[in-house]
Amino acid sequence: MKKDELFRILRLNTTRQFDMPEISGRGLTYPDAVRTFVETSCSVGCRVIEASSGDDLNEIIRQTYPECKVLASNVKGIKADRNPDTVSEAQELNGTEVGVVEGQVAVAENGCIWVPQTMKERAVCFISEQLVILVHCDQVVSNMHEAYARIQMTEYGYGCFISGPSKTADIEQALVMGAQAARGVTVILIG
């Protein structure tokens, strides 16, 4: 049965419709959302580095990953070996050891960060062995309700929430890091 036919049958047999309920709750709030975000991010496997607005981010990244030979980023001011805006196809980002991206909103309740696609090839978010997400303290909110209210789509119309390194325990109930994306995530929280 085709999808359109299924929907037609469902509509014919719908006898009563209900309006969407009003949502009155604001979600969890925290007296110190930044501190809660740091704690939650660490609990989901992130490394969190707190930096001042005047700190040299390139130096912090190089000190954190001294063995890195291939760094990919299009973030203004970040010195990168590859730029996801200038590669001809996503496969050219294969072999990226560290990818650096900017987060738009960070959420204290679950440690996730909204990372909008601000680059031509979003594969840098998933193909990098280690992912560094830059986010400012004033972009930390308490909950997902607040996060969704702040999300602004970019010209590419894509973004995703990232919370810690990729991990799965589906296969033989053994925890595997980096199964679908980065093996490690470092959040640089800029104050």
N, C-alpha and C. Protein backbone atom coordinates (compact mmCIF):
# COMPACT_ATOMS: atom_id res chain seq x y z
N MET A 1 0.84 -1.17 0.00
CA MET A 1 0.00 0.00 0.00
C MET A 1 0.90 1.24 0.00
N LYS A 2 0.57 2.20 -0.84
CA LYS A 2 1.34 3.43 -0.93
C LYS A 2 0.96 4.37 0.20
N LYS A 3 1.88 5.25 0.51
CA LYS A 3 1.71 6.19 1.61
C LYS A 3 0.45 7.05 1.43
N ASP A 4 0.22 7.58 0.24
CA ASP A 4 -0.94 8.44 0.00
C ASP A 4 -2.24 7.68 0.24
N GLU A 5 -2.28 6.43 -0.18
CA GLU A 5 -3.48 5.61 0.01
C GLU A 5 -3.71 5.36 1.50
N LEU A 6 -2.65 5.10 2.24
CA LEU A 6 -2.76 4.88 3.67
C LEU A 6 -3.32 6.12 4.36
N PHE A 7 -2.77 7.30 4.03
CA PHE A 7 -3.27 8.54 4.62
C PHE A 7 -4.74 8.79 4.26
N ARG A 8 -5.13 8.49 3.05
CA ARG A 8 -6.52 8.66 2.62
C ARG A 8 -7.43 7.80 3.49
N ILE A 9 -7.06 6.56 3.71
CA ILE A 9 -7.87 5.64 4.52
C ILE A 9 -7.93 6.13 5.98
N LEU A 10 -6.82 6.59 6.49
CA LEU A 10 -6.80 7.11 7.86
C LEU A 10 -7.72 8.32 8.00
N ARG A 11 -7.68 9.23 7.03
CA ARG A 11 -8.54 10.41 7.09
C ARG A 11 -10.02 10.02 7.03
N LEU A 12 -10.36 9.04 6.22
CA LEU A 12 -11.76 8.60 6.10
C LEU A 12 -12.27 8.02 7.42
N ASN A 13 -11.38 7.39 8.16
CA ASN A 13 -11.79 6.73 9.39
C ASN A 13 -11.51 7.52 10.65
N THR A 14 -11.12 8.77 10.49
CA THR A 14 -10.91 9.63 11.65
C THR A 14 -12.25 10.26 12.01
N THR A 15 -12.76 9.93 13.18
CA THR A 15 -14.09 10.42 13.56
C THR A 15 -14.01 11.62 14.50
N ARG A 16 -12.92 11.79 15.17
CA ARG A 16 -12.79 12.87 16.13
C ARG A 16 -11.37 13.40 16.11
N GLN A 17 -11.22 14.71 16.07
CA GLN A 17 -9.89 15.32 16.08
C GLN A 17 -9.68 16.09 17.36
N PHE A 18 -8.45 16.15 17.79
CA PHE A 18 -8.10 16.84 19.03
C PHE A 18 -7.09 17.93 18.73
N ASP A 19 -7.27 19.08 19.34
CA ASP A 19 -6.30 20.17 19.21
C ASP A 19 -5.05 19.83 19.99
N MET A 20 -3.95 20.38 19.55
CA MET A 20 -2.70 20.19 20.29
C MET A 20 -2.85 20.84 21.67
N PRO A 21 -2.35 20.20 22.71
CA PRO A 21 -2.48 20.79 24.05
C PRO A 21 -1.56 21.99 24.21
N GLU A 22 -1.96 22.88 25.07
CA GLU A 22 -1.10 24.01 25.42
C GLU A 22 0.00 23.48 26.34
N ILE A 23 1.21 23.94 26.11
CA ILE A 23 2.32 23.54 26.96
C ILE A 23 2.59 24.69 27.91
N SER A 24 2.36 24.45 29.18
CA SER A 24 2.51 25.53 30.15
C SER A 24 3.87 25.49 30.86
N GLY A 25 4.53 24.37 30.85
CA GLY A 25 5.81 24.25 31.55
C GLY A 25 6.93 24.93 30.80
N ARG A 26 7.90 25.42 31.53
CA ARG A 26 9.08 26.05 30.93
C ARG A 26 10.27 25.12 30.92
N GLY A 27 10.13 23.96 31.49
CA GLY A 27 11.26 23.04 31.57
C GLY A 27 12.11 23.33 32.79
N LEU A 28 13.13 22.53 32.96
CA LEU A 28 14.05 22.70 34.09
C LEU A 28 14.83 24.00 33.95
N THR A 29 15.05 24.66 35.04
CA THR A 29 15.94 25.82 35.03
C THR A 29 16.97 25.62 36.14
N TYR A 30 18.14 26.19 35.93
CA TYR A 30 19.24 26.02 36.87
C TYR A 30 19.74 27.39 37.32
N PRO A 31 20.08 27.52 38.59
CA PRO A 31 20.59 28.82 39.06
C PRO A 31 21.90 29.20 38.37
N ASP A 32 22.71 28.20 38.01
CA ASP A 32 23.96 28.45 37.29
C ASP A 32 24.00 27.49 36.11
N ALA A 33 23.39 27.91 35.01
CA ALA A 33 23.28 27.05 33.83
C ALA A 33 24.65 26.70 33.27
N VAL A 34 25.59 27.62 33.33
CA VAL A 34 26.93 27.35 32.79
C VAL A 34 27.61 26.23 33.57
N ARG A 35 27.58 26.31 34.90
CA ARG A 35 28.21 25.27 35.72
C ARG A 35 27.53 23.92 35.50
N THR A 36 26.19 23.93 35.41
CA THR A 36 25.45 22.69 35.16
C THR A 36 25.81 22.13 33.79
N PHE A 37 25.95 23.00 32.78
CA PHE A 37 26.35 22.55 31.45
C PHE A 37 27.71 21.86 31.49
N VAL A 38 28.66 22.45 32.20
CA VAL A 38 30.00 21.86 32.31
C VAL A 38 29.92 20.47 32.93
N GLU A 39 29.20 20.36 34.04
CA GLU A 39 29.07 19.08 34.74
C GLU A 39 28.38 18.03 33.87
N THR A 40 27.30 18.43 33.22
CA THR A 40 26.55 17.48 32.38
C THR A 40 27.38 17.06 31.18
N SER A 41 28.07 18.00 30.56
CA SER A 41 28.91 17.67 29.40
C SER A 41 29.99 16.67 29.77
N CYS A 42 30.60 16.87 30.92
CA CYS A 42 31.62 15.92 31.38
C CYS A 42 31.00 14.55 31.63
N SER A 43 29.78 14.52 32.15
CA SER A 43 29.15 13.23 32.44
C SER A 43 28.78 12.44 31.19
N VAL A 44 28.64 13.13 30.03
CA VAL A 44 28.35 12.41 28.78
C VAL A 44 29.62 12.17 27.96
N GLY A 45 30.78 12.43 28.55
CA GLY A 45 32.04 12.08 27.91
C GLY A 45 32.80 13.20 27.24
N CYS A 46 32.35 14.43 27.38
CA CYS A 46 33.08 15.55 26.79
C CYS A 46 34.23 15.98 27.69
N ARG A 47 35.20 16.58 27.06
CA ARG A 47 36.23 17.31 27.79
C ARG A 47 35.80 18.77 27.67
N VAL A 48 35.78 19.50 28.76
CA VAL A 48 35.39 20.91 28.73
C VAL A 48 36.57 21.76 29.16
N ILE A 49 36.91 22.72 28.31
CA ILE A 49 37.98 23.66 28.61
C ILE A 49 37.34 25.04 28.71
N GLU A 50 37.53 25.68 29.85
CA GLU A 50 36.98 27.02 30.02
C GLU A 50 38.06 28.03 29.65
N ALA A 51 37.69 28.94 28.74
CA ALA A 51 38.64 29.93 28.23
C ALA A 51 38.06 31.33 28.39
N SER A 52 38.94 32.29 28.42
CA SER A 52 38.52 33.70 28.45
C SER A 52 38.39 34.19 27.02
N SER A 53 37.63 35.25 26.84
CA SER A 53 37.41 35.76 25.48
C SER A 53 38.70 36.22 24.81
N GLY A 54 39.72 36.56 25.57
CA GLY A 54 40.99 37.01 24.98
C GLY A 54 42.01 35.90 24.77
N ASP A 55 41.70 34.67 25.18
CA ASP A 55 42.64 33.56 25.04
C ASP A 55 42.86 33.20 23.57
N ASP A 56 44.05 32.69 23.27
CA ASP A 56 44.39 32.24 21.92
C ASP A 56 43.82 30.83 21.72
N LEU A 57 42.71 30.74 21.00
CA LEU A 57 42.05 29.45 20.79
C LEU A 57 42.93 28.48 20.02
N ASN A 58 43.71 28.99 19.07
CA ASN A 58 44.62 28.12 18.32
C ASN A 58 45.62 27.45 19.26
N GLU A 59 46.12 28.20 20.22
CA GLU A 59 47.09 27.66 21.18
C GLU A 59 46.42 26.60 22.07
N ILE A 60 45.21 26.88 22.51
CA ILE A 60 44.48 25.92 23.35
C ILE A 60 44.25 24.62 22.59
N ILE A 61 43.82 24.73 21.33
CA ILE A 61 43.56 23.53 20.52
C ILE A 61 44.84 22.75 20.28
N ARG A 62 45.93 23.43 19.93
CA ARG A 62 47.20 22.75 19.67
C ARG A 62 47.77 22.11 20.93
N GLN A 63 47.58 22.74 22.09
CA GLN A 63 48.04 22.14 23.35
C GLN A 63 47.19 20.91 23.70
N THR A 64 45.91 20.98 23.38
CA THR A 64 45.01 19.86 23.68
C THR A 64 45.28 18.68 22.76
N TYR A 65 45.64 18.96 21.51
CA TYR A 65 45.92 17.90 20.52
C TYR A 65 47.30 18.13 19.91
N PRO A 66 48.36 17.92 20.68
CA PRO A 66 49.72 18.23 20.18
C PRO A 66 50.16 17.34 19.02
N GLU A 67 49.60 16.15 18.90
CA GLU A 67 50.00 15.23 17.83
C GLU A 67 49.21 15.44 16.54
N CYS A 68 48.25 16.34 16.54
CA CYS A 68 47.37 16.54 15.39
C CYS A 68 48.15 17.02 14.17
N LYS A 69 47.96 16.31 13.08
CA LYS A 69 48.60 16.69 11.82
C LYS A 69 47.60 17.29 10.83
N VAL A 70 46.32 16.93 10.96
CA VAL A 70 45.30 17.44 10.04
C VAL A 70 44.13 18.00 10.84
N LEU A 71 44.01 19.33 10.82
CA LEU A 71 42.93 20.03 11.49
C LEU A 71 42.06 20.69 10.43
N ALA A 72 40.75 20.50 10.53
CA ALA A 72 39.82 21.07 9.56
C ALA A 72 38.87 22.03 10.24
N SER A 73 38.70 23.21 9.65
CA SER A 73 37.77 24.19 10.19
C SER A 73 37.58 25.32 9.19
N ASN A 74 36.43 25.96 9.29
CA ASN A 74 36.21 27.20 8.56
C ASN A 74 35.93 28.35 9.53
N VAL A 75 36.14 28.11 10.82
CA VAL A 75 35.88 29.13 11.84
C VAL A 75 36.90 30.24 11.70
N LYS A 76 36.40 31.46 11.64
CA LYS A 76 37.26 32.62 11.50
C LYS A 76 38.27 32.67 12.64
N GLY A 77 39.56 32.82 12.29
CA GLY A 77 40.62 32.91 13.27
C GLY A 77 41.28 31.59 13.63
N ILE A 78 40.68 30.48 13.23
CA ILE A 78 41.26 29.16 13.53
C ILE A 78 42.17 28.76 12.37
N LYS A 79 43.41 28.42 12.70
CA LYS A 79 44.38 28.00 11.68
C LYS A 79 44.16 26.53 11.37
N ALA A 80 43.74 26.26 10.14
CA ALA A 80 43.37 24.89 9.76
C ALA A 80 44.15 24.44 8.53
N ASP A 81 44.33 23.10 8.44
CA ASP A 81 44.98 22.50 7.28
C ASP A 81 43.98 22.27 6.14
N ARG A 82 42.72 22.05 6.52
CA ARG A 82 41.65 21.83 5.54
C ARG A 82 40.47 22.74 5.89
N ASN A 83 39.81 23.20 4.86
CA ASN A 83 38.64 24.05 5.06
C ASN A 83 37.44 23.37 4.41
N PRO A 84 36.40 23.05 5.19
CA PRO A 84 35.23 22.38 4.62
C PRO A 84 34.47 23.23 3.60
N ASP A 85 34.82 24.51 3.47
CA ASP A 85 34.20 25.36 2.45
C ASP A 85 34.91 25.25 1.10
N THR A 86 36.18 24.83 1.12
CA THR A 86 36.95 24.85 -0.13
C THR A 86 37.24 23.47 -0.71
N VAL A 87 36.88 22.39 0.00
CA VAL A 87 37.08 21.06 -0.59
C VAL A 87 36.03 20.86 -1.69
N SER A 88 36.37 20.07 -2.68
CA SER A 88 35.42 19.85 -3.78
C SER A 88 34.36 18.83 -3.42
N GLU A 89 34.67 17.93 -2.49
CA GLU A 89 33.68 16.94 -2.02
C GLU A 89 34.03 16.51 -0.60
N ALA A 90 33.04 16.00 0.10
CA ALA A 90 33.20 15.65 1.52
C ALA A 90 34.31 14.63 1.75
N GLN A 91 34.55 13.73 0.80
CA GLN A 91 35.56 12.69 0.97
C GLN A 91 36.96 13.28 1.19
N GLU A 92 37.18 14.50 0.76
CA GLU A 92 38.48 15.13 0.97
C GLU A 92 38.75 15.42 2.44
N LEU A 93 37.71 15.37 3.27
CA LEU A 93 37.87 15.58 4.71
C LEU A 93 38.24 14.29 5.43
N ASN A 94 38.22 13.16 4.72
CA ASN A 94 38.61 11.89 5.32
C ASN A 94 40.06 12.01 5.81
N GLY A 95 40.32 11.52 6.99
CA GLY A 95 41.65 11.63 7.58
C GLY A 95 41.81 12.84 8.49
N THR A 96 40.73 13.59 8.66
CA THR A 96 40.78 14.74 9.57
C THR A 96 40.90 14.23 11.00
N GLU A 97 41.93 14.67 11.66
CA GLU A 97 42.13 14.25 13.05
C GLU A 97 41.32 15.11 14.01
N VAL A 98 41.30 16.43 13.79
CA VAL A 98 40.56 17.35 14.64
C VAL A 98 39.74 18.28 13.77
N GLY A 99 38.45 18.34 14.03
CA GLY A 99 37.56 19.29 13.37
C GLY A 99 37.14 20.33 14.39
N VAL A 100 37.10 21.58 13.98
CA VAL A 100 36.70 22.66 14.88
C VAL A 100 35.48 23.36 14.28
N VAL A 101 34.40 23.42 15.08
CA VAL A 101 33.16 24.05 14.63
C VAL A 101 32.65 24.98 15.74
N GLU A 102 31.69 25.82 15.38
CA GLU A 102 31.07 26.71 16.36
C GLU A 102 29.69 26.22 16.72
N GLY A 103 29.39 26.24 18.01
CA GLY A 103 28.06 25.91 18.48
C GLY A 103 27.24 27.18 18.65
N GLN A 104 25.95 27.06 18.44
CA GLN A 104 25.08 28.24 18.54
C GLN A 104 24.41 28.33 19.91
N VAL A 105 23.99 27.18 20.45
CA VAL A 105 23.30 27.13 21.73
C VAL A 105 23.77 25.88 22.47
N ALA A 106 24.06 26.04 23.77
CA ALA A 106 24.45 24.90 24.61
C ALA A 106 23.37 24.72 25.67
N VAL A 107 23.05 23.45 25.98
CA VAL A 107 21.93 23.13 26.87
C VAL A 107 22.45 22.45 28.14
N ALA A 108 22.14 23.07 29.28
CA ALA A 108 22.63 22.57 30.57
C ALA A 108 22.02 21.23 30.95
N GLU A 109 20.72 21.02 30.68
CA GLU A 109 20.04 19.82 31.17
C GLU A 109 20.58 18.52 30.58
N ASN A 110 21.15 18.57 29.36
CA ASN A 110 21.62 17.33 28.75
C ASN A 110 23.02 17.43 28.15
N GLY A 111 23.65 18.58 28.26
CA GLY A 111 25.02 18.73 27.77
C GLY A 111 25.15 18.77 26.26
N CYS A 112 24.06 19.01 25.56
CA CYS A 112 24.15 19.03 24.10
C CYS A 112 24.36 20.46 23.59
N ILE A 113 24.86 20.54 22.37
CA ILE A 113 25.12 21.82 21.73
C ILE A 113 24.52 21.78 20.33
N TRP A 114 23.77 22.83 19.97
CA TRP A 114 23.24 22.95 18.62
C TRP A 114 24.37 23.46 17.73
N VAL A 115 24.73 22.66 16.74
CA VAL A 115 25.78 23.02 15.80
C VAL A 115 25.12 23.21 14.43
N PRO A 116 24.94 24.47 14.02
CA PRO A 116 24.34 24.70 12.71
C PRO A 116 25.37 24.47 11.61
N GLN A 117 24.89 24.08 10.44
CA GLN A 117 25.81 23.91 9.32
C GLN A 117 26.18 25.29 8.82
N THR A 118 27.41 25.68 9.08
CA THR A 118 27.92 26.97 8.61
C THR A 118 29.03 26.77 7.59
N MET A 119 29.15 25.53 7.13
CA MET A 119 30.20 25.20 6.17
C MET A 119 29.59 24.40 5.02
N LYS A 120 30.25 24.44 3.88
CA LYS A 120 29.74 23.72 2.71
C LYS A 120 29.62 22.23 2.99
N GLU A 121 30.65 21.63 3.55
CA GLU A 121 30.65 20.19 3.82
C GLU A 121 30.53 19.93 5.31
N ARG A 122 29.32 19.56 5.75
CA ARG A 122 29.07 19.31 7.17
C ARG A 122 29.71 18.02 7.66
N ALA A 123 30.29 17.25 6.76
CA ALA A 123 30.95 16.00 7.15
C ALA A 123 32.03 16.22 8.19
N VAL A 124 32.59 17.43 8.25
CA VAL A 124 33.63 17.70 9.24
C VAL A 124 33.13 17.42 10.66
N CYS A 125 31.84 17.57 10.90
CA CYS A 125 31.27 17.31 12.23
C CYS A 125 31.27 15.83 12.58
N PHE A 126 31.30 14.96 11.58
CA PHE A 126 31.12 13.53 11.80
C PHE A 126 32.32 12.69 11.41
N ILE A 127 33.15 13.20 10.52
CA ILE A 127 34.27 12.41 10.02
C ILE A 127 35.54 12.63 10.83
N SER A 128 35.59 13.73 11.57
CA SER A 128 36.77 14.04 12.39
C SER A 128 36.90 13.03 13.53
N GLU A 129 38.13 12.62 13.79
CA GLU A 129 38.38 11.71 14.92
C GLU A 129 38.06 12.40 16.24
N GLN A 130 38.42 13.67 16.34
CA GLN A 130 38.15 14.48 17.52
C GLN A 130 37.43 15.74 17.06
N LEU A 131 36.39 16.12 17.77
CA LEU A 131 35.63 17.31 17.41
C LEU A 131 35.77 18.34 18.52
N VAL A 132 36.09 19.56 18.14
CA VAL A 132 36.16 20.68 19.08
C VAL A 132 35.00 21.60 18.75
N ILE A 133 34.19 21.89 19.77
CA ILE A 133 33.05 22.79 19.59
C ILE A 133 33.31 24.04 20.42
N LEU A 134 33.32 25.19 19.75
CA LEU A 134 33.49 26.47 20.43
C LEU A 134 32.11 27.02 20.75
N VAL A 135 31.90 27.40 21.99
CA VAL A 135 30.61 27.97 22.38
C VAL A 135 30.86 29.02 23.47
N HIS A 136 30.11 30.11 23.40
CA HIS A 136 30.26 31.20 24.36
C HIS A 136 29.33 30.99 25.55
N CYS A 137 29.79 31.40 26.73
CA CYS A 137 29.02 31.23 27.97
C CYS A 137 27.63 31.84 27.87
N ASP A 138 27.49 32.97 27.16
CA ASP A 138 26.18 33.60 27.07
C ASP A 138 25.22 32.85 26.14
N GLN A 139 25.71 31.76 25.55
CA GLN A 139 24.86 30.92 24.70
C GLN A 139 24.38 29.67 25.42
N VAL A 140 24.67 29.57 26.71
CA VAL A 140 24.23 28.42 27.50
C VAL A 140 22.84 28.71 28.05
N VAL A 141 21.93 27.78 27.82
CA VAL A 141 20.57 27.87 28.35
C VAL A 141 20.30 26.66 29.25
N SER A 142 19.24 26.73 30.02
CA SER A 142 18.93 25.65 30.96
C SER A 142 18.37 24.41 30.29
N ASN A 143 17.46 24.60 29.31
CA ASN A 143 16.71 23.45 28.81
C ASN A 143 16.45 23.53 27.31
N MET A 144 15.88 22.47 26.78
CA MET A 144 15.62 22.37 25.35
C MET A 144 14.57 23.38 24.88
N HIS A 145 13.61 23.72 25.73
CA HIS A 145 12.61 24.73 25.36
C HIS A 145 13.31 26.04 25.01
N GLU A 146 14.24 26.44 25.86
CA GLU A 146 14.99 27.67 25.63
C GLU A 146 15.89 27.54 24.40
N ALA A 147 16.46 26.36 24.21
CA ALA A 147 17.35 26.15 23.06
C ALA A 147 16.60 26.29 21.75
N TYR A 148 15.44 25.63 21.64
CA TYR A 148 14.68 25.72 20.40
C TYR A 148 14.24 27.14 20.09
N ALA A 149 14.00 27.94 21.12
CA ALA A 149 13.61 29.33 20.91
C ALA A 149 14.76 30.16 20.35
N ARG A 150 15.99 29.71 20.56
CA ARG A 150 17.17 30.46 20.10
C ARG A 150 17.75 29.99 18.77
N ILE A 151 17.36 28.81 18.33
CA ILE A 151 17.96 28.26 17.11
C ILE A 151 17.64 29.14 15.91
N GLN A 152 18.69 29.45 15.17
CA GLN A 152 18.53 30.20 13.92
C GLN A 152 19.15 29.35 12.82
N MET A 153 18.35 29.04 11.83
CA MET A 153 18.86 28.22 10.72
C MET A 153 19.78 29.06 9.85
N THR A 154 20.76 28.41 9.28
CA THR A 154 21.71 29.07 8.39
C THR A 154 21.27 28.88 6.95
N GLU A 155 22.04 29.42 6.05
CA GLU A 155 21.71 29.31 4.62
C GLU A 155 21.63 27.85 4.15
N TYR A 156 22.30 26.94 4.86
CA TYR A 156 22.30 25.54 4.45
C TYR A 156 21.06 24.80 4.95
N GLY A 157 20.36 25.36 5.94
CA GLY A 157 19.13 24.75 6.42
C GLY A 157 19.32 23.45 7.19
N TYR A 158 20.49 23.26 7.78
CA TYR A 158 20.77 22.03 8.52
C TYR A 158 21.51 22.37 9.80
N GLY A 159 21.29 21.58 10.80
CA GLY A 159 22.03 21.66 12.05
C GLY A 159 21.71 20.42 12.86
N CYS A 160 22.46 20.19 13.91
CA CYS A 160 22.17 19.03 14.76
C CYS A 160 22.66 19.30 16.17
N PHE A 161 22.05 18.59 17.12
CA PHE A 161 22.52 18.65 18.49
C PHE A 161 23.59 17.59 18.66
N ILE A 162 24.71 17.97 19.26
CA ILE A 162 25.79 17.03 19.53
C ILE A 162 26.02 17.02 21.04
N SER A 163 26.07 15.82 21.60
CA SER A 163 26.27 15.68 23.04
C SER A 163 27.30 14.58 23.27
N GLY A 164 28.52 14.97 23.44
CA GLY A 164 29.57 14.00 23.72
C GLY A 164 30.02 13.24 22.49
N PRO A 165 30.97 12.35 22.68
CA PRO A 165 31.47 11.55 21.57
C PRO A 165 30.43 10.53 21.11
N SER A 166 30.57 10.09 19.88
CA SER A 166 29.69 9.06 19.34
C SER A 166 29.98 7.75 20.07
N LYS A 167 28.92 7.07 20.46
CA LYS A 167 29.12 5.79 21.15
C LYS A 167 27.90 4.90 20.94
N THR A 168 28.14 3.62 20.92
CA THR A 168 27.06 2.65 20.81
C THR A 168 27.47 1.38 21.54
N ALA A 169 26.48 0.66 22.03
CA ALA A 169 26.75 -0.64 22.65
C ALA A 169 25.82 -1.68 22.03
N ASP A 170 25.39 -1.45 20.80
CA ASP A 170 24.48 -2.35 20.11
C ASP A 170 25.13 -3.69 19.78
N ILE A 171 26.38 -3.62 19.37
CA ILE A 171 27.06 -4.81 18.86
C ILE A 171 27.67 -5.59 20.02
N GLU A 172 27.15 -6.77 20.25
CA GLU A 172 27.64 -7.65 21.30
C GLU A 172 27.71 -6.98 22.66
N GLN A 173 26.90 -5.95 22.86
CA GLN A 173 26.82 -5.21 24.12
C GLN A 173 28.17 -4.70 24.59
N ALA A 174 29.03 -4.37 23.64
CA ALA A 174 30.33 -3.80 23.95
C ALA A 174 30.32 -2.33 23.54
N LEU A 175 30.74 -1.45 24.43
CA LEU A 175 30.76 -0.02 24.14
C LEU A 175 31.83 0.28 23.10
N VAL A 176 31.40 0.92 22.01
CA VAL A 176 32.29 1.31 20.92
C VAL A 176 32.23 2.82 20.79
N MET A 177 33.38 3.47 20.90
CA MET A 177 33.44 4.93 20.74
C MET A 177 33.75 5.25 19.29
N GLY A 178 33.10 6.31 18.79
CA GLY A 178 33.37 6.75 17.43
C GLY A 178 32.69 5.92 16.37
N ALA A 179 31.63 5.23 16.70
CA ALA A 179 30.95 4.36 15.74
C ALA A 179 30.31 5.15 14.61
N GLN A 180 29.67 6.27 14.92
CA GLN A 180 28.99 7.05 13.89
C GLN A 180 29.60 8.44 13.69
N ALA A 181 30.43 8.87 14.58
CA ALA A 181 31.02 10.21 14.47
C ALA A 181 32.30 10.26 15.31
N ALA A 182 32.60 11.42 15.85
CA ALA A 182 33.88 11.63 16.55
C ALA A 182 34.06 10.71 17.75
N ARG A 183 35.30 10.27 17.93
CA ARG A 183 35.65 9.44 19.09
C ARG A 183 35.70 10.27 20.37
N GLY A 184 35.96 11.55 20.21
CA GLY A 184 36.04 12.43 21.37
C GLY A 184 35.54 13.82 21.02
N VAL A 185 34.96 14.48 22.01
CA VAL A 185 34.47 15.85 21.82
C VAL A 185 35.04 16.72 22.93
N THR A 186 35.62 17.84 22.52
CA THR A 186 36.10 18.84 23.45
C THR A 186 35.28 20.10 23.24
N VAL A 187 34.73 20.62 24.31
CA VAL A 187 33.98 21.87 24.27
C VAL A 187 34.89 22.94 24.84
N ILE A 188 35.11 23.99 24.06
CA ILE A 188 35.83 25.15 24.58
C ILE A 188 34.77 26.19 24.89
N LEU A 189 34.56 26.41 26.16
CA LEU A 189 33.55 27.34 26.65
C LEU A 189 34.21 28.68 26.85
N ILE A 190 33.80 29.65 26.05
CA ILE A 190 34.46 30.95 26.03
C ILE A 190 33.68 31.94 26.89
N GLY A 191 34.35 32.46 27.93
CA GLY A 191 33.70 33.35 28.89
C GLY A 191 33.82 34.80 28.56
